[in-house]
Amino acid sequence: MVRFLEFLKQIIHLYQIVLIVTVILSWIFASGRISRYDPRLRSVMQALDAVTEPFLKRIRPWMPNTAPLDLAPLALWFLCIFIDTVIIDNLIDQLR
């Protein structure tokens, strides 16, 4: 069970990296430096959106409306940290 929880921690860390990449790419697209319709990045962005958007769309209704700034990725980041450090670490400590 401890191995599974450690594996789950690694999945959460990987998801946090994916979340960071998604946010950075959205900033690059918003700046106009790269077109969202660029065929090289379109498939990458679609894959990242497929992984992050299901969680972000559930968080957005709970976030305040800050028009140009989306705070949902930040809230999801903190949720990942909470699950990783509080819940999973406590379960690992209890099992050892």
C-alpha atoms as a PDB file:
ATOM      1  CA  MET A   1       0.000   0.000   0.000  1.00  0.00           C
ATOM      2  CA  VAL A   2       2.877   2.369   0.757  1.00  0.00           C
ATOM      3  CA  ARG A   3       4.289   1.789  -2.714  1.00  0.00           C
ATOM      4  CA  PHE A   4       0.949   2.661  -4.255  1.00  0.00           C
ATOM      5  CA  LEU A   5       0.760   5.882  -2.245  1.00  0.00           C
ATOM      6  CA  GLU A   6       4.313   6.814  -3.257  1.00  0.00           C
ATOM      7  CA  PHE A   7       3.360   6.117  -6.880  1.00  0.00           C
ATOM      8  CA  LEU A   8       0.318   8.349  -6.415  1.00  0.00           C
ATOM      9  CA  LYS A   9       2.593  11.112  -5.081  1.00  0.00           C
ATOM     10  CA  GLN A  10       4.685  10.833  -8.255  1.00  0.00           C
ATOM     11  CA  ILE A  11       1.546  11.096 -10.406  1.00  0.00           C
ATOM     12  CA  ILE A  12       0.542  14.248  -8.521  1.00  0.00           C
ATOM     13  CA  HIS A  13       4.008  15.744  -9.070  1.00  0.00           C
ATOM     14  CA  LEU A  14       3.792  14.952 -12.780  1.00  0.00           C
ATOM     15  CA  TYR A  15       0.338  16.537 -12.910  1.00  0.00           C
ATOM     16  CA  GLN A  16       1.735  19.691 -11.289  1.00  0.00           C
ATOM     17  CA  ILE A  17       4.366  19.889 -14.034  1.00  0.00           C
ATOM     18  CA  VAL A  18       1.666  19.475 -16.681  1.00  0.00           C
ATOM     19  CA  LEU A  19      -0.312  22.242 -14.986  1.00  0.00           C
ATOM     20  CA  ILE A  20       2.692  24.587 -15.065  1.00  0.00           C
ATOM     21  CA  VAL A  21       3.326  23.872 -18.748  1.00  0.00           C
ATOM     22  CA  THR A  22      -0.329  24.518 -19.539  1.00  0.00           C
ATOM     23  CA  VAL A  23      -0.291  27.880 -17.760  1.00  0.00           C
ATOM     24  CA  ILE A  24       2.968  28.969 -19.423  1.00  0.00           C
ATOM     25  CA  LEU A  25       1.699  27.997 -22.880  1.00  0.00           C
ATOM     26  CA  SER A  26      -1.541  29.886 -22.272  1.00  0.00           C
ATOM     27  CA  TRP A  27       0.508  32.983 -21.377  1.00  0.00           C
ATOM     28  CA  ILE A  28       2.558  32.601 -24.551  1.00  0.00           C
ATOM     29  CA  PHE A  29      -0.607  32.248 -26.629  1.00  0.00           C
ATOM     30  CA  ALA A  30      -2.190  35.257 -24.898  1.00  0.00           C
ATOM     31  CA  SER A  31       0.862  37.394 -25.641  1.00  0.00           C
ATOM     32  CA  GLY A  32       0.453  36.714 -29.343  1.00  0.00           C
ATOM     33  CA  ARG A  33       3.972  35.378 -29.830  1.00  0.00           C
ATOM     34  CA  ILE A  34       2.687  32.013 -31.021  1.00  0.00           C
ATOM     35  CA  SER A  35      -0.659  31.336 -32.628  1.00  0.00           C
ATOM     36  CA  ARG A  36      -2.965  28.890 -30.904  1.00  0.00           C
ATOM     37  CA  TYR A  37      -3.584  27.410 -34.360  1.00  0.00           C
ATOM     38  CA  ASP A  38       0.054  26.581 -34.997  1.00  0.00           C
ATOM     39  CA  PRO A  39      -0.080  22.910 -36.045  1.00  0.00           C
ATOM     40  CA  ARG A  40       3.053  22.014 -34.067  1.00  0.00           C
ATOM     41  CA  LEU A  41       1.648  23.213 -30.763  1.00  0.00           C
ATOM     42  CA  ARG A  42      -2.033  22.603 -31.357  1.00  0.00           C
ATOM     43  CA  SER A  43      -1.853  18.882 -30.620  1.00  0.00           C
ATOM     44  CA  VAL A  44       0.291  19.530 -27.522  1.00  0.00           C
ATOM     45  CA  MET A  45      -2.166  22.104 -26.205  1.00  0.00           C
ATOM     46  CA  GLN A  46      -5.126  19.803 -26.917  1.00  0.00           C
ATOM     47  CA  ALA A  47      -3.448  17.006 -24.946  1.00  0.00           C
ATOM     48  CA  LEU A  48      -2.653  19.319 -22.032  1.00  0.00           C
ATOM     49  CA  ASP A  49      -6.204  20.695 -22.043  1.00  0.00           C
ATOM     50  CA  ALA A  50      -7.603  17.151 -22.051  1.00  0.00           C
ATOM     51  CA  VAL A  51      -5.666  16.418 -18.867  1.00  0.00           C
ATOM     52  CA  THR A  52      -6.178  19.673 -16.981  1.00  0.00           C
ATOM     53  CA  GLU A  53      -9.524  21.044 -18.124  1.00  0.00           C
ATOM     54  CA  PRO A  54     -11.782  18.423 -16.456  1.00  0.00           C
ATOM     55  CA  PHE A  55     -10.493  19.504 -13.038  1.00  0.00           C
ATOM     56  CA  LEU A  56     -10.237  23.213 -13.839  1.00  0.00           C
ATOM     57  CA  LYS A  57     -13.834  23.484 -15.062  1.00  0.00           C
ATOM     58  CA  ARG A  58     -15.038  22.106 -11.709  1.00  0.00           C
ATOM     59  CA  ILE A  59     -12.976  24.679  -9.793  1.00  0.00           C
ATOM     60  CA  ARG A  60     -13.792  27.781 -11.894  1.00  0.00           C
ATOM     61  CA  PRO A  61     -17.365  28.286 -10.615  1.00  0.00           C
ATOM     62  CA  TRP A  62     -15.984  28.559  -7.070  1.00  0.00           C
ATOM     63  CA  MET A  63     -13.329  31.137  -7.952  1.00  0.00           C
ATOM     64  CA  PRO A  64     -13.861  34.919  -7.947  1.00  0.00           C
ATOM     65  CA  ASN A  65     -14.258  36.602 -11.311  1.00  0.00           C
ATOM     66  CA  THR A  66     -10.891  38.170 -12.121  1.00  0.00           C
ATOM     67  CA  ALA A  67     -11.543  38.727 -15.809  1.00  0.00           C
ATOM     68  CA  PRO A  68      -8.189  38.368 -17.565  1.00  0.00           C
ATOM     69  CA  LEU A  69      -6.591  36.253 -14.844  1.00  0.00           C
ATOM     70  CA  ASP A  70      -7.720  32.670 -14.279  1.00  0.00           C
ATOM     71  CA  LEU A  71      -7.098  31.644 -10.679  1.00  0.00           C
ATOM     72  CA  ALA A  72      -8.350  28.069 -11.126  1.00  0.00           C
ATOM     73  CA  PRO A  73      -4.885  26.639 -11.976  1.00  0.00           C
ATOM     74  CA  LEU A  74      -3.484  28.197  -8.810  1.00  0.00           C
ATOM     75  CA  ALA A  75      -6.295  26.699  -6.735  1.00  0.00           C
ATOM     76  CA  LEU A  76      -5.724  23.312  -8.376  1.00  0.00           C
ATOM     77  CA  TRP A  77      -1.995  23.633  -7.656  1.00  0.00           C
ATOM     78  CA  PHE A  78      -2.709  24.214  -3.954  1.00  0.00           C
ATOM     79  CA  LEU A  79      -5.166  21.324  -3.938  1.00  0.00           C
ATOM     80  CA  CYS A  80      -2.457  19.033  -5.337  1.00  0.00           C
ATOM     81  CA  ILE A  81      -0.054  20.214  -2.649  1.00  0.00           C
ATOM     82  CA  PHE A  82      -2.682  19.598   0.042  1.00  0.00           C
ATOM     83  CA  ILE A  83      -3.429  16.085  -1.206  1.00  0.00           C
ATOM     84  CA  ASP A  84       0.276  15.306  -1.509  1.00  0.00           C
ATOM     85  CA  THR A  85       1.572  16.679   1.768  1.00  0.00           C
ATOM     86  CA  VAL A  86      -1.364  16.352   4.124  1.00  0.00           C
ATOM     87  CA  ILE A  87      -3.419  13.386   3.014  1.00  0.00           C
ATOM     88  CA  ILE A  88      -0.953  11.029   1.343  1.00  0.00           C
ATOM     89  CA  ASP A  89       1.953  11.739   3.678  1.00  0.00           C
ATOM     90  CA  ASN A  90      -0.268  11.106   6.720  1.00  0.00           C
ATOM     91  CA  LEU A  91      -1.504   7.846   5.219  1.00  0.00           C
ATOM     92  CA  ILE A  92       2.072   6.753   4.533  1.00  0.00           C
ATOM     93  CA  ASP A  93       3.088   7.619   8.106  1.00  0.00           C
ATOM     94  CA  GLN A  94       0.167   5.644   9.510  1.00  0.00           C
ATOM     95  CA  LEU A  95       1.013   2.603   7.430  1.00  0.00           C
ATOM     96  CA  ARG A  96       4.664   2.515   8.450  1.00  0.00           C
END
